[in-house]
């Protein structure tokens, strides 16, 4: 009986992701509501034809490249996440309130997607003067993260604050000694570096919605890879 039970579990592990993909994309049709793309957008000079009409292409906001340092001291840039979906958030290790809850929720998500090679998680400190790589490494150990699945990043304040405001479109600012304004949002970014969702990192309902919408993006990426090149 134990052998049959193990076989049944193995079959479920193998079949459920494929069945989910079938439900979302059966017969080449979208069976889900596409996620929006956040941020400013402009009309490009190029066009595409729909029903004989030239329609201007749209240029969507994207996350700009950056150079930061991970908890293990290694450099990390946006290229680290090429062709990857990732969830980002901002925090600091001495945060007395929501940061622990927010990162607890990310820890659960990182565990859920530990074997998925498409999904990653990034936590960026807004207190880099204190939160050096060794400090982040010690802090990260409390969450049992799964490197490289979950990366904690530090750097200089100019880079981090500009990245928050101009790329992720959230607040990040030092307002006084050990006091910071920062967003409590978890930010979902697709493989093309578009922002596809914002979620309250301390809300169970929002984190559940994020989990569902990560699956939607996974399906979207699988569909994109199946499209012919010509």
C-alpha atoms as a PDB file:
ATOM      1  CA  UNK A   1       0.000   0.000   0.000  1.00  0.00           C
ATOM      2  CA  UNK A   2       2.858   2.386   0.781  1.00  0.00           C
ATOM      3  CA  UNK A   3       4.283   1.841  -2.701  1.00  0.00           C
ATOM      4  CA  UNK A   4       0.892   2.555  -4.303  1.00  0.00           C
ATOM      5  CA  UNK A   5       0.549   5.713  -2.200  1.00  0.00           C
ATOM      6  CA  UNK A   6       3.986   6.928  -3.296  1.00  0.00           C
ATOM      7  CA  UNK A   7       3.134   6.221  -6.934  1.00  0.00           C
ATOM      8  CA  UNK A   8      -0.137   8.162  -6.585  1.00  0.00           C
ATOM      9  CA  UNK A   9       1.667  11.161  -5.082  1.00  0.00           C
ATOM     10  CA  UNK A  10       4.276  11.094  -7.858  1.00  0.00           C
ATOM     11  CA  UNK A  11       1.557  11.008 -10.518  1.00  0.00           C
ATOM     12  CA  UNK A  12      -0.159  14.024  -8.945  1.00  0.00           C
ATOM     13  CA  UNK A  13       3.105  15.984  -8.778  1.00  0.00           C
ATOM     14  CA  UNK A  14       3.711  15.313 -12.460  1.00  0.00           C
ATOM     15  CA  UNK A  15       0.175  15.827 -13.725  1.00  0.00           C
ATOM     16  CA  UNK A  16      -1.174  18.796 -11.735  1.00  0.00           C
ATOM     17  CA  UNK A  17       1.095  21.499 -13.324  1.00  0.00           C
ATOM     18  CA  UNK A  18       0.276  20.178 -16.780  1.00  0.00           C
ATOM     19  CA  UNK A  19      -3.430  20.049 -15.994  1.00  0.00           C
ATOM     20  CA  UNK A  20      -3.330  23.633 -14.716  1.00  0.00           C
ATOM     21  CA  UNK A  21      -1.611  24.700 -17.919  1.00  0.00           C
ATOM     22  CA  UNK A  22      -4.296  22.868 -19.948  1.00  0.00           C
ATOM     23  CA  UNK A  23      -7.105  24.580 -18.065  1.00  0.00           C
ATOM     24  CA  UNK A  24      -5.552  27.991 -18.677  1.00  0.00           C
ATOM     25  CA  UNK A  25      -4.551  27.516 -22.313  1.00  0.00           C
ATOM     26  CA  UNK A  26      -6.568  24.601 -23.718  1.00  0.00           C
ATOM     27  CA  UNK A  27      -6.978  24.599 -27.494  1.00  0.00           C
ATOM     28  CA  UNK A  28      -4.778  27.682 -27.802  1.00  0.00           C
ATOM     29  CA  UNK A  29      -7.350  29.928 -26.119  1.00  0.00           C
ATOM     30  CA  UNK A  30      -6.815  32.172 -23.124  1.00  0.00           C
ATOM     31  CA  UNK A  31      -8.973  30.897 -20.274  1.00  0.00           C
ATOM     32  CA  UNK A  32      -7.848  33.574 -17.834  1.00  0.00           C
ATOM     33  CA  UNK A  33      -7.969  37.346 -17.615  1.00  0.00           C
ATOM     34  CA  UNK A  34      -4.548  38.716 -18.658  1.00  0.00           C
ATOM     35  CA  UNK A  35      -2.766  40.693 -15.972  1.00  0.00           C
ATOM     36  CA  UNK A  36      -2.408  44.445 -16.569  1.00  0.00           C
ATOM     37  CA  UNK A  37       0.927  46.132 -17.268  1.00  0.00           C
ATOM     38  CA  UNK A  38       1.579  48.946 -14.808  1.00  0.00           C
ATOM     39  CA  UNK A  39       3.402  52.208 -15.323  1.00  0.00           C
ATOM     40  CA  UNK A  40       3.523  54.895 -18.014  1.00  0.00           C
ATOM     41  CA  UNK A  41       3.273  53.830 -21.638  1.00  0.00           C
ATOM     42  CA  UNK A  42       3.817  55.630 -24.920  1.00  0.00           C
ATOM     43  CA  UNK A  43       2.964  55.009 -28.556  1.00  0.00           C
ATOM     44  CA  UNK A  44       5.938  53.814 -30.578  1.00  0.00           C
ATOM     45  CA  UNK A  45       6.786  54.953 -34.097  1.00  0.00           C
ATOM     46  CA  UNK A  46       6.302  51.386 -35.318  1.00  0.00           C
ATOM     47  CA  UNK A  47       2.918  49.819 -36.083  1.00  0.00           C
ATOM     48  CA  UNK A  48       1.253  46.440 -36.525  1.00  0.00           C
ATOM     49  CA  UNK A  49      -1.731  45.545 -38.696  1.00  0.00           C
ATOM     50  CA  UNK A  50      -5.065  44.412 -37.334  1.00  0.00           C
ATOM     51  CA  UNK A  51      -7.909  43.752 -39.809  1.00  0.00           C
ATOM     52  CA  UNK A  52      -6.125  45.800 -42.462  1.00  0.00           C
ATOM     53  CA  UNK A  53      -5.450  48.781 -40.206  1.00  0.00           C
ATOM     54  CA  UNK A  54      -2.076  50.014 -38.967  1.00  0.00           C
ATOM     55  CA  UNK A  55      -2.155  50.169 -35.170  1.00  0.00           C
ATOM     56  CA  UNK A  56       0.672  51.978 -33.297  1.00  0.00           C
ATOM     57  CA  UNK A  57       2.781  49.686 -31.135  1.00  0.00           C
ATOM     58  CA  UNK A  58       2.873  50.487 -27.414  1.00  0.00           C
ATOM     59  CA  UNK A  59       6.055  50.868 -25.398  1.00  0.00           C
ATOM     60  CA  UNK A  60       5.402  49.810 -21.802  1.00  0.00           C
ATOM     61  CA  UNK A  61       7.302  50.796 -18.678  1.00  0.00           C
ATOM     62  CA  UNK A  62      10.088  48.378 -17.776  1.00  0.00           C
ATOM     63  CA  UNK A  63      12.401  47.877 -14.806  1.00  0.00           C
ATOM     64  CA  UNK A  64      15.749  49.504 -15.596  1.00  0.00           C
ATOM     65  CA  UNK A  65      19.056  47.729 -15.127  1.00  0.00           C
ATOM     66  CA  UNK A  66      20.779  48.039 -11.760  1.00  0.00           C
ATOM     67  CA  UNK A  67      23.934  46.934  -9.977  1.00  0.00           C
ATOM     68  CA  UNK A  68      23.559  45.801  -6.355  1.00  0.00           C
ATOM     69  CA  UNK A  69      25.164  43.305  -3.987  1.00  0.00           C
ATOM     70  CA  UNK A  70      23.588  40.102  -2.666  1.00  0.00           C
ATOM     71  CA  UNK A  71      23.821  38.753   0.884  1.00  0.00           C
ATOM     72  CA  UNK A  72      26.652  36.478  -0.233  1.00  0.00           C
ATOM     73  CA  UNK A  73      28.657  39.468  -1.501  1.00  0.00           C
ATOM     74  CA  UNK A  74      28.139  38.646  -5.178  1.00  0.00           C
ATOM     75  CA  UNK A  75      27.061  41.336  -7.681  1.00  0.00           C
ATOM     76  CA  UNK A  76      23.489  41.176  -8.941  1.00  0.00           C
ATOM     77  CA  UNK A  77      21.978  43.049 -11.877  1.00  0.00           C
ATOM     78  CA  UNK A  78      18.738  42.872 -13.804  1.00  0.00           C
ATOM     79  CA  UNK A  79      20.430  40.435 -16.177  1.00  0.00           C
ATOM     80  CA  UNK A  80      20.512  37.964 -13.294  1.00  0.00           C
ATOM     81  CA  UNK A  81      16.775  37.615 -13.874  1.00  0.00           C
ATOM     82  CA  UNK A  82      16.777  37.399 -17.668  1.00  0.00           C
ATOM     83  CA  UNK A  83      13.849  35.287 -18.864  1.00  0.00           C
ATOM     84  CA  UNK A  84      12.638  34.991 -15.279  1.00  0.00           C
ATOM     85  CA  UNK A  85       9.539  36.059 -13.387  1.00  0.00           C
ATOM     86  CA  UNK A  86      10.377  37.666 -10.048  1.00  0.00           C
ATOM     87  CA  UNK A  87       8.687  39.238  -7.041  1.00  0.00           C
ATOM     88  CA  UNK A  88      10.419  42.231  -5.446  1.00  0.00           C
ATOM     89  CA  UNK A  89       9.912  44.091  -2.183  1.00  0.00           C
ATOM     90  CA  UNK A  90      11.623  46.774  -0.116  1.00  0.00           C
ATOM     91  CA  UNK A  91      12.401  46.432   3.604  1.00  0.00           C
ATOM     92  CA  UNK A  92      15.131  46.963   6.198  1.00  0.00           C
ATOM     93  CA  UNK A  93      16.450  44.603   8.849  1.00  0.00           C
ATOM     94  CA  UNK A  94      15.781  46.911  11.825  1.00  0.00           C
ATOM     95  CA  UNK A  95      12.170  47.456  10.750  1.00  0.00           C
ATOM     96  CA  UNK A  96      10.016  47.114  13.896  1.00  0.00           C
ATOM     97  CA  UNK A  97       6.708  46.404  12.186  1.00  0.00           C
ATOM     98  CA  UNK A  98       5.571  44.923   8.883  1.00  0.00           C
ATOM     99  CA  UNK A  99       8.894  43.815   7.333  1.00  0.00           C
ATOM    100  CA  UNK A 100       9.037  40.532   9.268  1.00  0.00           C
ATOM    101  CA  UNK A 101       5.462  39.653   8.274  1.00  0.00           C
ATOM    102  CA  UNK A 102       6.099  40.653   4.668  1.00  0.00           C
ATOM    103  CA  UNK A 103       9.237  38.509   4.465  1.00  0.00           C
ATOM    104  CA  UNK A 104       7.522  35.601   6.250  1.00  0.00           C
ATOM    105  CA  UNK A 105       4.987  35.619   3.419  1.00  0.00           C
ATOM    106  CA  UNK A 106       7.741  35.737   0.807  1.00  0.00           C
ATOM    107  CA  UNK A 107       9.447  32.827   2.556  1.00  0.00           C
ATOM    108  CA  UNK A 108       6.313  30.718   2.107  1.00  0.00           C
ATOM    109  CA  UNK A 109       6.073  31.670  -1.561  1.00  0.00           C
ATOM    110  CA  UNK A 110       9.762  30.949  -2.118  1.00  0.00           C
ATOM    111  CA  UNK A 111       9.228  27.496  -0.633  1.00  0.00           C
ATOM    112  CA  UNK A 112       6.180  26.940  -2.838  1.00  0.00           C
ATOM    113  CA  UNK A 113       8.207  27.739  -5.981  1.00  0.00           C
ATOM    114  CA  UNK A 114      11.487  26.237  -4.790  1.00  0.00           C
ATOM    115  CA  UNK A 115      11.627  23.788  -7.718  1.00  0.00           C
ATOM    116  CA  UNK A 116      10.283  26.177 -10.351  1.00  0.00           C
ATOM    117  CA  UNK A 117      13.149  27.504 -12.470  1.00  0.00           C
ATOM    118  CA  UNK A 118      11.084  30.431 -13.777  1.00  0.00           C
ATOM    119  CA  UNK A 119      10.148  32.193 -10.505  1.00  0.00           C
ATOM    120  CA  UNK A 120      12.474  34.119  -8.156  1.00  0.00           C
ATOM    121  CA  UNK A 121      12.219  36.566  -5.232  1.00  0.00           C
ATOM    122  CA  UNK A 122      14.192  39.749  -4.480  1.00  0.00           C
ATOM    123  CA  UNK A 123      14.202  41.779  -1.247  1.00  0.00           C
ATOM    124  CA  UNK A 124      15.986  45.140  -1.372  1.00  0.00           C
ATOM    125  CA  UNK A 125      16.999  47.043   1.763  1.00  0.00           C
ATOM    126  CA  UNK A 126      16.205  50.747   2.065  1.00  0.00           C
ATOM    127  CA  UNK A 127      18.848  51.025   4.817  1.00  0.00           C
ATOM    128  CA  UNK A 128      22.030  50.023   2.960  1.00  0.00           C
ATOM    129  CA  UNK A 129      24.316  51.991   5.308  1.00  0.00           C
ATOM    130  CA  UNK A 130      23.460  49.500   8.052  1.00  0.00           C
ATOM    131  CA  UNK A 131      22.303  46.527   5.979  1.00  0.00           C
ATOM    132  CA  UNK A 132      25.602  45.409   4.501  1.00  0.00           C
ATOM    133  CA  UNK A 133      25.941  42.018   2.833  1.00  0.00           C
ATOM    134  CA  UNK A 134      26.985  40.264   6.097  1.00  0.00           C
ATOM    135  CA  UNK A 135      24.045  41.844   7.961  1.00  0.00           C
ATOM    136  CA  UNK A 136      21.654  40.683   5.222  1.00  0.00           C
ATOM    137  CA  UNK A 137      23.152  37.202   5.285  1.00  0.00           C
ATOM    138  CA  UNK A 138      22.532  36.937   9.016  1.00  0.00           C
ATOM    139  CA  UNK A 139      19.007  38.334   8.640  1.00  0.00           C
ATOM    140  CA  UNK A 140      18.195  36.014   5.734  1.00  0.00           C
ATOM    141  CA  UNK A 141      19.193  32.980   7.793  1.00  0.00           C
ATOM    142  CA  UNK A 142      16.142  33.579   9.965  1.00  0.00           C
ATOM    143  CA  UNK A 143      13.851  32.838   7.049  1.00  0.00           C
ATOM    144  CA  UNK A 144      15.572  29.741   5.719  1.00  0.00           C
ATOM    145  CA  UNK A 145      15.656  31.211   2.194  1.00  0.00           C
ATOM    146  CA  UNK A 146      16.585  29.083  -0.755  1.00  0.00           C
ATOM    147  CA  UNK A 147      19.444  30.726  -2.670  1.00  0.00           C
ATOM    148  CA  UNK A 148      19.391  31.616  -5.467  1.00  0.00           C
ATOM    149  CA  UNK A 149      15.579  31.425  -5.258  1.00  0.00           C
ATOM    150  CA  UNK A 150      15.440  34.359  -2.816  1.00  0.00           C
ATOM    151  CA  UNK A 151      18.052  37.116  -2.936  1.00  0.00           C
ATOM    152  CA  UNK A 152      18.544  39.960  -0.446  1.00  0.00           C
ATOM    153  CA  UNK A 153      20.169  43.049  -1.976  1.00  0.00           C
ATOM    154  CA  UNK A 154      22.077  46.070  -0.723  1.00  0.00           C
ATOM    155  CA  UNK A 155      24.023  48.880  -2.400  1.00  0.00           C
ATOM    156  CA  UNK A 156      24.135  52.673  -2.197  1.00  0.00           C
ATOM    157  CA  UNK A 157      21.137  54.811  -1.299  1.00  0.00           C
ATOM    158  CA  UNK A 158      21.105  56.733  -4.580  1.00  0.00           C
ATOM    159  CA  UNK A 159      20.841  53.559  -6.648  1.00  0.00           C
ATOM    160  CA  UNK A 160      18.262  51.923  -4.380  1.00  0.00           C
ATOM    161  CA  UNK A 161      16.003  54.957  -3.962  1.00  0.00           C
ATOM    162  CA  UNK A 162      16.077  55.746  -7.690  1.00  0.00           C
ATOM    163  CA  UNK A 163      15.352  52.096  -8.460  1.00  0.00           C
ATOM    164  CA  UNK A 164      12.359  52.129  -6.129  1.00  0.00           C
ATOM    165  CA  UNK A 165      10.859  55.366  -7.423  1.00  0.00           C
ATOM    166  CA  UNK A 166      11.694  55.246 -11.128  1.00  0.00           C
ATOM    167  CA  UNK A 167      11.605  51.522 -11.890  1.00  0.00           C
ATOM    168  CA  UNK A 168       9.347  49.809  -9.348  1.00  0.00           C
ATOM    169  CA  UNK A 169       7.252  52.980  -8.950  1.00  0.00           C
ATOM    170  CA  UNK A 170       7.086  52.846  -5.136  1.00  0.00           C
ATOM    171  CA  UNK A 171       8.377  55.046  -2.319  1.00  0.00           C
ATOM    172  CA  UNK A 172      11.754  54.614  -0.644  1.00  0.00           C
ATOM    173  CA  UNK A 173      13.309  57.412   1.405  1.00  0.00           C
ATOM    174  CA  UNK A 174      15.250  57.980   4.619  1.00  0.00           C
ATOM    175  CA  UNK A 175      13.401  60.531   6.758  1.00  0.00           C
ATOM    176  CA  UNK A 176      15.539  60.559   9.905  1.00  0.00           C
ATOM    177  CA  UNK A 177      17.847  58.498  12.083  1.00  0.00           C
ATOM    178  CA  UNK A 178      16.768  54.872  11.580  1.00  0.00           C
ATOM    179  CA  UNK A 179      13.505  56.099  10.049  1.00  0.00           C
ATOM    180  CA  UNK A 180      12.417  55.286   6.519  1.00  0.00           C
ATOM    181  CA  UNK A 181       9.487  55.616   4.182  1.00  0.00           C
ATOM    182  CA  UNK A 182       9.153  52.474   2.114  1.00  0.00           C
ATOM    183  CA  UNK A 183       6.431  50.576   0.302  1.00  0.00           C
ATOM    184  CA  UNK A 184       4.808  47.499   1.832  1.00  0.00           C
ATOM    185  CA  UNK A 185       3.973  46.222  -1.637  1.00  0.00           C
ATOM    186  CA  UNK A 186       5.158  42.999  -3.218  1.00  0.00           C
ATOM    187  CA  UNK A 187       5.775  43.722  -6.899  1.00  0.00           C
ATOM    188  CA  UNK A 188       5.287  41.076  -9.585  1.00  0.00           C
ATOM    189  CA  UNK A 189       7.571  41.466 -12.614  1.00  0.00           C
ATOM    190  CA  UNK A 190       7.329  39.385 -15.788  1.00  0.00           C
ATOM    191  CA  UNK A 191      10.144  37.999 -17.944  1.00  0.00           C
ATOM    192  CA  UNK A 192      10.000  41.117 -20.161  1.00  0.00           C
ATOM    193  CA  UNK A 193      10.622  43.266 -17.017  1.00  0.00           C
ATOM    194  CA  UNK A 194       7.100  44.739 -16.996  1.00  0.00           C
ATOM    195  CA  UNK A 195       5.333  45.299 -13.668  1.00  0.00           C
ATOM    196  CA  UNK A 196       2.243  43.068 -13.652  1.00  0.00           C
ATOM    197  CA  UNK A 197       0.912  43.465 -10.120  1.00  0.00           C
ATOM    198  CA  UNK A 198       1.138  45.124  -6.702  1.00  0.00           C
ATOM    199  CA  UNK A 199       0.142  43.305  -3.510  1.00  0.00           C
ATOM    200  CA  UNK A 200       0.028  44.241   0.172  1.00  0.00           C
ATOM    201  CA  UNK A 201       2.841  42.166   1.676  1.00  0.00           C
ATOM    202  CA  UNK A 202       1.085  41.935   5.033  1.00  0.00           C
ATOM    203  CA  UNK A 203      -2.283  40.821   3.671  1.00  0.00           C
ATOM    204  CA  UNK A 204      -3.054  37.095   3.506  1.00  0.00           C
ATOM    205  CA  UNK A 205      -5.675  37.736   0.817  1.00  0.00           C
ATOM    206  CA  UNK A 206      -3.241  39.735  -1.308  1.00  0.00           C
ATOM    207  CA  UNK A 207      -0.480  37.149  -0.946  1.00  0.00           C
ATOM    208  CA  UNK A 208      -2.940  34.442  -2.013  1.00  0.00           C
ATOM    209  CA  UNK A 209      -3.857  36.560  -5.042  1.00  0.00           C
ATOM    210  CA  UNK A 210      -0.153  37.013  -5.811  1.00  0.00           C
ATOM    211  CA  UNK A 211       0.334  33.247  -5.710  1.00  0.00           C
ATOM    212  CA  UNK A 212      -2.553  32.801  -8.159  1.00  0.00           C
ATOM    213  CA  UNK A 213      -1.254  35.500 -10.486  1.00  0.00           C
ATOM    214  CA  UNK A 214       2.267  34.072 -10.489  1.00  0.00           C
ATOM    215  CA  UNK A 215       0.642  30.953 -11.960  1.00  0.00           C
ATOM    216  CA  UNK A 216      -1.069  33.094 -14.582  1.00  0.00           C
ATOM    217  CA  UNK A 217       2.306  34.590 -15.559  1.00  0.00           C
ATOM    218  CA  UNK A 218       3.889  31.142 -15.703  1.00  0.00           C
ATOM    219  CA  UNK A 219       1.175  30.095 -18.147  1.00  0.00           C
ATOM    220  CA  UNK A 220       1.708  33.295 -20.147  1.00  0.00           C
ATOM    221  CA  UNK A 221       5.435  32.627 -20.415  1.00  0.00           C
ATOM    222  CA  UNK A 222       4.815  29.044 -21.533  1.00  0.00           C
ATOM    223  CA  UNK A 223       2.457  30.332 -24.225  1.00  0.00           C
ATOM    224  CA  UNK A 224       5.006  32.907 -25.383  1.00  0.00           C
ATOM    225  CA  UNK A 225       7.669  30.235 -25.748  1.00  0.00           C
ATOM    226  CA  UNK A 226       5.326  28.166 -27.898  1.00  0.00           C
ATOM    227  CA  UNK A 227       4.674  30.972 -30.384  1.00  0.00           C
ATOM    228  CA  UNK A 228       6.376  30.483 -33.780  1.00  0.00           C
ATOM    229  CA  UNK A 229       9.234  32.810 -34.630  1.00  0.00           C
ATOM    230  CA  UNK A 230       7.751  33.620 -38.058  1.00  0.00           C
END
